[in-house]
């Protein structure tokens, strides 16, 4: 589950030299809310990425803004089974 980031950019170096980058360049005390997001350049329609997606490496870009949006709050996904 993706929530409002506490950073403007984060790079994780993964096994095998892959990298996962989180980017929220407009993140600030006044822009607390994710308005939309992209994973590897494609739109991310739900506020969720899997462990496998992150472990594969890539870029998660968050567009930030000053007011809440329905991007994350409207999502009603199915919870994962217990133990995952």
PDB file of N, CA and C in Angstrom:
ATOM      1  N   UNK A   1       0.849  -1.163   0.000  1.00  0.00           N
ATOM      2  CA  UNK A   1       0.000   0.000   0.000  1.00  0.00           C
ATOM      3  C   UNK A   1       0.900   1.233   0.000  1.00  0.00           C
ATOM      4  N   UNK A   2       0.593   2.157  -0.855  1.00  0.00           N
ATOM      5  CA  UNK A   2       1.387   3.376  -0.979  1.00  0.00           C
ATOM      6  C   UNK A   2       0.690   4.509  -0.235  1.00  0.00           C
ATOM      7  N   UNK A   3       1.429   5.181   0.630  1.00  0.00           N
ATOM      8  CA  UNK A   3       0.922   6.352   1.316  1.00  0.00           C
ATOM      9  C   UNK A   3       1.768   7.553   0.956  1.00  0.00           C
ATOM     10  N   UNK A   4       1.421   8.691   1.478  1.00  0.00           N
ATOM     11  CA  UNK A   4       2.168   9.910   1.175  1.00  0.00           C
ATOM     12  C   UNK A   4       3.631   9.735   1.556  1.00  0.00           C
ATOM     13  N   UNK A   5       4.541   9.970   0.622  1.00  0.00           N
ATOM     14  CA  UNK A   5       5.959   9.774   0.903  1.00  0.00           C
ATOM     15  C   UNK A   5       6.518  10.852   1.826  1.00  0.00           C
ATOM     16  N   UNK A   6       7.601  10.522   2.491  1.00  0.00           N
ATOM     17  CA  UNK A   6       8.301  11.464   3.358  1.00  0.00           C
ATOM     18  C   UNK A   6       9.579  11.957   2.688  1.00  0.00           C
ATOM     19  N   UNK A   7       9.677  11.800   1.384  1.00  0.00           N
ATOM     20  CA  UNK A   7      10.896  12.108   0.653  1.00  0.00           C
ATOM     21  C   UNK A   7      10.544  12.734  -0.690  1.00  0.00           C
ATOM     22  N   UNK A   8      11.546  13.295  -1.341  1.00  0.00           N
ATOM     23  CA  UNK A   8      11.361  13.718  -2.730  1.00  0.00           C
ATOM     24  C   UNK A   8      11.976  12.692  -3.674  1.00  0.00           C
ATOM     25  N   UNK A   9      12.995  11.962  -3.192  1.00  0.00           N
ATOM     26  CA  UNK A   9      13.574  10.885  -3.995  1.00  0.00           C
ATOM     27  C   UNK A   9      14.228   9.866  -3.070  1.00  0.00           C
ATOM     28  N   UNK A  10      14.063   8.607  -3.427  1.00  0.00           N
ATOM     29  CA  UNK A  10      14.614   7.498  -2.658  1.00  0.00           C
ATOM     30  C   UNK A  10      15.097   6.459  -3.652  1.00  0.00           C
ATOM     31  N   UNK A  11      16.296   5.948  -3.454  1.00  0.00           N
ATOM     32  CA  UNK A  11      16.812   4.891  -4.320  1.00  0.00           C
ATOM     33  C   UNK A  11      17.205   3.699  -3.465  1.00  0.00           C
ATOM     34  N   UNK A  12      16.625   2.553  -3.774  1.00  0.00           N
ATOM     35  CA  UNK A  12      16.980   1.305  -3.110  1.00  0.00           C
ATOM     36  C   UNK A  12      17.830   0.492  -4.076  1.00  0.00           C
ATOM     37  N   UNK A  13      18.996   0.063  -3.641  1.00  0.00           N
ATOM     38  CA  UNK A  13      19.824  -0.817  -4.447  1.00  0.00           C
ATOM     39  C   UNK A  13      19.473  -2.246  -4.056  1.00  0.00           C
ATOM     40  N   UNK A  14      19.071  -3.017  -5.044  1.00  0.00           N
ATOM     41  CA  UNK A  14      18.566  -4.357  -4.809  1.00  0.00           C
ATOM     42  C   UNK A  14      19.595  -5.402  -5.227  1.00  0.00           C
ATOM     43  N   UNK A  15      19.328  -6.625  -4.851  1.00  0.00           N
ATOM     44  CA  UNK A  15      20.190  -7.739  -5.231  1.00  0.00           C
ATOM     45  C   UNK A  15      20.337  -7.789  -6.750  1.00  0.00           C
ATOM     46  N   UNK A  16      21.511  -8.088  -7.205  1.00  0.00           N
ATOM     47  CA  UNK A  16      21.758  -8.188  -8.633  1.00  0.00           C
ATOM     48  C   UNK A  16      21.990  -6.846  -9.306  1.00  0.00           C
ATOM     49  N   UNK A  17      22.147  -5.783  -8.506  1.00  0.00           N
ATOM     50  CA  UNK A  17      22.415  -4.466  -9.068  1.00  0.00           C
ATOM     51  C   UNK A  17      21.193  -3.703  -9.545  1.00  0.00           C
ATOM     52  N   UNK A  18      20.006  -4.281  -9.385  1.00  0.00           N
ATOM     53  CA  UNK A  18      18.790  -3.556  -9.773  1.00  0.00           C
ATOM     54  C   UNK A  18      18.546  -2.419  -8.786  1.00  0.00           C
ATOM     55  N   UNK A  19      17.793  -1.427  -9.245  1.00  0.00           N
ATOM     56  CA  UNK A  19      17.432  -0.299  -8.380  1.00  0.00           C
ATOM     57  C   UNK A  19      15.937  -0.060  -8.455  1.00  0.00           C
ATOM     58  N   UNK A  20      15.378   0.332  -7.317  1.00  0.00           N
ATOM     59  CA  UNK A  20      13.993   0.784  -7.269  1.00  0.00           C
ATOM     60  C   UNK A  20      14.039   2.224  -6.787  1.00  0.00           C
ATOM     61  N   UNK A  21      13.493   3.128  -7.589  1.00  0.00           N
ATOM     62  CA  UNK A  21      13.529   4.556  -7.280  1.00  0.00           C
ATOM     63  C   UNK A  21      12.114   5.035  -6.987  1.00  0.00           C
ATOM     64  N   UNK A  22      11.953   5.730  -5.884  1.00  0.00           N
ATOM     65  CA  UNK A  22      10.714   6.428  -5.560  1.00  0.00           C
ATOM     66  C   UNK A  22      10.943   7.908  -5.747  1.00  0.00           C
ATOM     67  N   UNK A  23      10.070   8.555  -6.490  1.00  0.00           N
ATOM     68  CA  UNK A  23      10.263   9.965  -6.799  1.00  0.00           C
ATOM     69  C   UNK A  23       8.968  10.735  -6.553  1.00  0.00           C
ATOM     70  N   UNK A  24       9.080  11.814  -5.809  1.00  0.00           N
ATOM     71  CA  UNK A  24       7.946  12.713  -5.541  1.00  0.00           C
ATOM     72  C   UNK A  24       8.494  14.139  -5.510  1.00  0.00           C
ATOM     73  N   UNK A  25       8.909  14.658  -6.667  1.00  0.00           N
ATOM     74  CA  UNK A  25       9.621  15.941  -6.690  1.00  0.00           C
ATOM     75  C   UNK A  25       8.838  17.127  -6.147  1.00  0.00           C
ATOM     76  N   UNK A  26       7.519  17.082  -6.198  1.00  0.00           N
ATOM     77  CA  UNK A  26       6.730  18.207  -5.682  1.00  0.00           C
ATOM     78  C   UNK A  26       6.320  18.007  -4.221  1.00  0.00           C
ATOM     79  N   UNK A  27       6.859  16.983  -3.580  1.00  0.00           N
ATOM     80  CA  UNK A  27       6.531  16.723  -2.182  1.00  0.00           C
ATOM     81  C   UNK A  27       7.038  17.875  -1.318  1.00  0.00           C
ATOM     82  N   UNK A  28       6.180  18.375  -0.434  1.00  0.00           N
ATOM     83  CA  UNK A  28       6.542  19.475   0.456  1.00  0.00           C
ATOM     84  C   UNK A  28       5.516  19.518   1.586  1.00  0.00           C
ATOM     85  N   UNK A  29       5.741  20.334   2.603  1.00  0.00           N
ATOM     86  CA  UNK A  29       4.743  20.463   3.659  1.00  0.00           C
ATOM     87  C   UNK A  29       3.371  20.915   3.137  1.00  0.00           C
ATOM     88  N   UNK A  30       3.349  21.615   2.013  1.00  0.00           N
ATOM     89  CA  UNK A  30       2.076  22.056   1.434  1.00  0.00           C
ATOM     90  C   UNK A  30       1.476  21.086   0.434  1.00  0.00           C
ATOM     91  N   UNK A  31       2.269  20.147  -0.053  1.00  0.00           N
ATOM     92  CA  UNK A  31       1.801  19.146  -1.024  1.00  0.00           C
ATOM     93  C   UNK A  31       1.923  17.762  -0.405  1.00  0.00           C
ATOM     94  N   UNK A  32       0.947  17.425   0.418  1.00  0.00           N
ATOM     95  CA  UNK A  32       0.994  16.183   1.191  1.00  0.00           C
ATOM     96  C   UNK A  32       0.284  15.012   0.539  1.00  0.00           C
ATOM     97  N   UNK A  33      -0.467  15.248  -0.503  1.00  0.00           N
ATOM     98  CA  UNK A  33      -1.380  14.232  -1.014  1.00  0.00           C
ATOM     99  C   UNK A  33      -0.991  13.754  -2.410  1.00  0.00           C
ATOM    100  N   UNK A  34      -1.001  12.438  -2.595  1.00  0.00           N
ATOM    101  CA  UNK A  34      -0.722  11.885  -3.915  1.00  0.00           C
ATOM    102  C   UNK A  34      -1.939  12.131  -4.796  1.00  0.00           C
ATOM    103  N   UNK A  35      -1.698  12.751  -5.938  1.00  0.00           N
ATOM    104  CA  UNK A  35      -2.770  13.032  -6.899  1.00  0.00           C
ATOM    105  C   UNK A  35      -2.860  11.928  -7.948  1.00  0.00           C
ATOM    106  N   UNK A  36      -1.720  11.381  -8.326  1.00  0.00           N
ATOM    107  CA  UNK A  36      -1.638  10.266  -9.263  1.00  0.00           C
ATOM    108  C   UNK A  36      -0.250   9.671  -9.146  1.00  0.00           C
ATOM    109  N   UNK A  37      -0.073   8.496  -9.731  1.00  0.00           N
ATOM    110  CA  UNK A  37       1.233   7.845  -9.675  1.00  0.00           C
ATOM    111  C   UNK A  37       1.460   7.043 -10.950  1.00  0.00           C
ATOM    112  N   UNK A  38       2.743   6.832 -11.239  1.00  0.00           N
ATOM    113  CA  UNK A  38       3.150   6.028 -12.385  1.00  0.00           C
ATOM    114  C   UNK A  38       4.192   5.018 -11.917  1.00  0.00           C
ATOM    115  N   UNK A  39       4.113   3.829 -12.460  1.00  0.00           N
ATOM    116  CA  UNK A  39       5.115   2.802 -12.210  1.00  0.00           C
ATOM    117  C   UNK A  39       5.768   2.475 -13.540  1.00  0.00           C
ATOM    118  N   UNK A  40       7.062   2.728 -13.627  1.00  0.00           N
ATOM    119  CA  UNK A  40       7.819   2.507 -14.864  1.00  0.00           C
ATOM    120  C   UNK A  40       7.183   3.210 -16.056  1.00  0.00           C
ATOM    121  N   UNK A  41       6.684   4.414 -15.821  1.00  0.00           N
ATOM    122  CA  UNK A  41       6.131   5.246 -16.887  1.00  0.00           C
ATOM    123  C   UNK A  41       4.667   5.026 -17.185  1.00  0.00           C
ATOM    124  N   UNK A  42       4.089   3.948 -16.690  1.00  0.00           N
ATOM    125  CA  UNK A  42       2.668   3.673 -16.931  1.00  0.00           C
ATOM    126  C   UNK A  42       1.831   4.083 -15.738  1.00  0.00           C
ATOM    127  N   UNK A  43       0.576   4.461 -15.957  1.00  0.00           N
ATOM    128  CA  UNK A  43      -0.268   4.893 -14.850  1.00  0.00           C
ATOM    129  C   UNK A  43      -0.476   3.781 -13.830  1.00  0.00           C
ATOM    130  N   UNK A  44      -0.449   4.162 -12.579  1.00  0.00           N
ATOM    131  CA  UNK A  44      -0.722   3.235 -11.483  1.00  0.00           C
ATOM    132  C   UNK A  44      -2.116   3.579 -10.979  1.00  0.00           C
ATOM    133  N   UNK A  45      -3.078   2.706 -11.252  1.00  0.00           N
ATOM    134  CA  UNK A  45      -4.475   3.007 -10.962  1.00  0.00           C
ATOM    135  C   UNK A  45      -4.880   2.709  -9.523  1.00  0.00           C
ATOM    136  N   UNK A  46      -4.070   1.963  -8.806  1.00  0.00           N
ATOM    137  CA  UNK A  46      -4.372   1.630  -7.416  1.00  0.00           C
ATOM    138  C   UNK A  46      -3.157   1.966  -6.559  1.00  0.00           C
ATOM    139  N   UNK A  47      -3.364   2.286  -5.284  1.00  0.00           N
ATOM    140  CA  UNK A  47      -2.244   2.676  -4.421  1.00  0.00           C
ATOM    141  C   UNK A  47      -1.488   1.473  -3.857  1.00  0.00           C
ATOM    142  N   UNK A  48      -1.194   0.516  -4.734  1.00  0.00           N
ATOM    143  CA  UNK A  48      -0.571  -0.732  -4.302  1.00  0.00           C
ATOM    144  C   UNK A  48       0.453  -1.168  -5.341  1.00  0.00           C
ATOM    145  N   UNK A  49       1.605  -1.616  -4.876  1.00  0.00           N
ATOM    146  CA  UNK A  49       2.527  -2.351  -5.722  1.00  0.00           C
ATOM    147  C   UNK A  49       2.895  -3.624  -4.975  1.00  0.00           C
ATOM    148  N   UNK A  50       3.234  -4.656  -5.711  1.00  0.00           N
ATOM    149  CA  UNK A  50       3.599  -5.919  -5.082  1.00  0.00           C
ATOM    150  C   UNK A  50       5.084  -5.940  -4.757  1.00  0.00           C
ATOM    151  N   UNK A  51       5.437  -6.855  -3.894  1.00  0.00           N
ATOM    152  CA  UNK A  51       6.844  -7.062  -3.571  1.00  0.00           C
ATOM    153  C   UNK A  51       7.613  -7.426  -4.837  1.00  0.00           C
ATOM    154  N   UNK A  52       7.015  -8.241  -5.683  1.00  0.00           N
ATOM    155  CA  UNK A  52       7.671  -8.654  -6.920  1.00  0.00           C
ATOM    156  C   UNK A  52       7.926  -7.457  -7.843  1.00  0.00           C
ATOM    157  N   UNK A  53       6.983  -6.528  -7.913  1.00  0.00           N
ATOM    158  CA  UNK A  53       7.179  -5.335  -8.740  1.00  0.00           C
ATOM    159  C   UNK A  53       8.339  -4.495  -8.215  1.00  0.00           C
ATOM    160  N   UNK A  54       8.399  -4.296  -6.917  1.00  0.00           N
ATOM    161  CA  UNK A  54       9.488  -3.509  -6.333  1.00  0.00           C
ATOM    162  C   UNK A  54      10.818  -4.230  -6.491  1.00  0.00           C
ATOM    163  N   UNK A  55      10.822  -5.531  -6.257  1.00  0.00           N
ATOM    164  CA  UNK A  55      12.050  -6.311  -6.333  1.00  0.00           C
ATOM    165  C   UNK A  55      12.614  -6.378  -7.757  1.00  0.00           C
ATOM    166  N   UNK A  56      11.760  -6.228  -8.754  1.00  0.00           N
ATOM    167  CA  UNK A  56      12.209  -6.243 -10.148  1.00  0.00           C
ATOM    168  C   UNK A  56      12.960  -4.966 -10.510  1.00  0.00           C
ATOM    169  N   UNK A  57      12.818  -3.938  -9.672  1.00  0.00           N
ATOM    170  CA  UNK A  57      13.436  -2.651  -9.953  1.00  0.00           C
ATOM    171  C   UNK A  57      12.525  -1.792 -10.802  1.00  0.00           C
ATOM    172  N   UNK A  58      12.832  -0.524 -10.877  1.00  0.00           N
ATOM    173  CA  UNK A  58      12.018   0.391 -11.665  1.00  0.00           C
ATOM    174  C   UNK A  58      11.866   1.714 -10.977  1.00  0.00           C
ATOM    175  N   UNK A  59      10.861   2.468 -11.434  1.00  0.00           N
ATOM    176  CA  UNK A  59      10.643   3.819 -10.919  1.00  0.00           C
ATOM    177  C   UNK A  59       9.175   4.010 -10.573  1.00  0.00           C
ATOM    178  N   UNK A  60       8.916   4.444  -9.353  1.00  0.00           N
ATOM    179  CA  UNK A  60       7.587   4.838  -8.900  1.00  0.00           C
ATOM    180  C   UNK A  60       7.594   6.352  -8.774  1.00  0.00           C
ATOM    181  N   UNK A  61       6.764   7.018  -9.568  1.00  0.00           N
ATOM    182  CA  UNK A  61       6.682   8.478  -9.549  1.00  0.00           C
ATOM    183  C   UNK A  61       5.333   8.894  -8.958  1.00  0.00           C
ATOM    184  N   UNK A  62       5.366   9.756  -7.964  1.00  0.00           N
ATOM    185  CA  UNK A  62       4.149  10.255  -7.330  1.00  0.00           C
ATOM    186  C   UNK A  62       3.982  11.738  -7.625  1.00  0.00           C
ATOM    187  N   UNK A  63       2.825  12.093  -8.144  1.00  0.00           N
ATOM    188  CA  UNK A  63       2.484  13.498  -8.354  1.00  0.00           C
ATOM    189  C   UNK A  63       1.772  13.982  -7.100  1.00  0.00           C
ATOM    190  N   UNK A  64       2.337  14.990  -6.457  1.00  0.00           N
ATOM    191  CA  UNK A  64       1.829  15.461  -5.181  1.00  0.00           C
ATOM    192  C   UNK A  64       1.025  16.753  -5.351  1.00  0.00           C
ATOM    193  N   UNK A  65       0.075  16.972  -4.429  1.00  0.00           N
ATOM    194  CA  UNK A  65      -0.713  18.190  -4.463  1.00  0.00           C
ATOM    195  C   UNK A  65      -1.178  18.585  -3.077  1.00  0.00           C
ATOM    196  N   UNK A  66      -1.822  19.762  -2.943  1.00  0.00           N
ATOM    197  CA  UNK A  66      -2.178  20.312  -1.636  1.00  0.00           C
ATOM    198  C   UNK A  66      -3.499  19.804  -1.059  1.00  0.00           C
ATOM    199  N   UNK A  67      -4.305  19.103  -1.848  1.00  0.00           N
ATOM    200  CA  UNK A  67      -5.606  18.643  -1.343  1.00  0.00           C
ATOM    201  C   UNK A  67      -5.756  17.140  -1.577  1.00  0.00           C
ATOM    202  N   UNK A  68      -6.544  16.472  -0.736  1.00  0.00           N
ATOM    203  CA  UNK A  68      -6.774  15.041  -0.931  1.00  0.00           C
ATOM    204  C   UNK A  68      -7.384  14.777  -2.307  1.00  0.00           C
ATOM    205  N   UNK A  69      -7.055  13.628  -2.865  1.00  0.00           N
ATOM    206  CA  UNK A  69      -7.633  13.217  -4.139  1.00  0.00           C
ATOM    207  C   UNK A  69      -8.314  11.871  -3.948  1.00  0.00           C
ATOM    208  N   UNK A  70      -9.012  11.448  -4.956  1.00  0.00           N
ATOM    209  CA  UNK A  70      -9.657  10.133  -4.872  1.00  0.00           C
ATOM    210  C   UNK A  70      -8.732   9.023  -5.350  1.00  0.00           C
ATOM    211  N   UNK A  71      -7.507   9.363  -5.780  1.00  0.00           N
ATOM    212  CA  UNK A  71      -6.601   8.356  -6.317  1.00  0.00           C
ATOM    213  C   UNK A  71      -6.437   7.176  -5.356  1.00  0.00           C
ATOM    214  N   UNK A  72      -6.133   7.419  -4.128  1.00  0.00           N
ATOM    215  CA  UNK A  72      -5.949   6.336  -3.164  1.00  0.00           C
ATOM    216  C   UNK A  72      -7.181   6.051  -2.341  1.00  0.00           C
ATOM    217  N   UNK A  73      -7.929   7.076  -1.994  1.00  0.00           N
ATOM    218  CA  UNK A  73      -9.055   6.891  -1.087  1.00  0.00           C
ATOM    219  C   UNK A  73     -10.235   6.163  -1.733  1.00  0.00           C
ATOM    220  N   UNK A  74     -10.331   6.179  -3.045  1.00  0.00           N
ATOM    221  CA  UNK A  74     -11.442   5.512  -3.723  1.00  0.00           C
ATOM    222  C   UNK A  74     -11.173   4.026  -3.957  1.00  0.00           C
ATOM    223  N   UNK A  75      -9.928   3.587  -3.757  1.00  0.00           N
ATOM    224  CA  UNK A  75      -9.575   2.193  -4.031  1.00  0.00           C
ATOM    225  C   UNK A  75     -10.173   1.276  -2.981  1.00  0.00           C
ATOM    226  N   UNK A  76     -10.789   0.213  -3.426  1.00  0.00           N
ATOM    227  CA  UNK A  76     -11.374  -0.794  -2.528  1.00  0.00           C
ATOM    228  C   UNK A  76     -10.912  -2.169  -2.961  1.00  0.00           C
ATOM    229  N   UNK A  77      -9.618  -2.408  -2.779  1.00  0.00           N
ATOM    230  CA  UNK A  77      -9.021  -3.666  -3.213  1.00  0.00           C
ATOM    231  C   UNK A  77      -9.349  -4.800  -2.266  1.00  0.00           C
ATOM    232  N   UNK A  78      -9.055  -5.983  -2.735  1.00  0.00           N
ATOM    233  CA  UNK A  78      -9.236  -7.182  -1.936  1.00  0.00           C
ATOM    234  C   UNK A  78      -8.015  -7.369  -1.057  1.00  0.00           C
ATOM    235  N   UNK A  79      -8.204  -7.539   0.247  1.00  0.00           N
ATOM    236  CA  UNK A  79      -7.042  -7.759   1.133  1.00  0.00           C
ATOM    237  C   UNK A  79      -6.336  -9.070   0.796  1.00  0.00           C
ATOM    238  N   UNK A  80      -5.035  -9.106   1.085  1.00  0.00           N
ATOM    239  CA  UNK A  80      -4.278 -10.337   0.896  1.00  0.00           C
ATOM    240  C   UNK A  80      -4.663 -11.348   1.975  1.00  0.00           C
ATOM    241  N   UNK A  81      -4.568 -12.635   1.671  1.00  0.00           N
ATOM    242  CA  UNK A  81      -4.859 -13.645   2.704  1.00  0.00           C
ATOM    243  C   UNK A  81      -3.915 -13.489   3.886  1.00  0.00           C
ATOM    244  N   UNK A  82      -4.339 -13.930   5.053  1.00  0.00           N
ATOM    245  CA  UNK A  82      -3.505 -13.860   6.264  1.00  0.00           C
ATOM    246  C   UNK A  82      -2.197 -14.593   6.036  1.00  0.00           C
ATOM    247  N   UNK A  83      -1.152 -14.080   6.636  1.00  0.00           N
ATOM    248  CA  UNK A  83       0.145 -14.715   6.556  1.00  0.00           C
ATOM    249  C   UNK A  83       1.004 -14.242   5.408  1.00  0.00           C
ATOM    250  N   UNK A  84       0.516 -13.338   4.599  1.00  0.00           N
ATOM    251  CA  UNK A  84       1.325 -12.823   3.484  1.00  0.00           C
ATOM    252  C   UNK A  84       1.911 -11.495   3.829  1.00  0.00           C
TER     253      UNK A  84
END
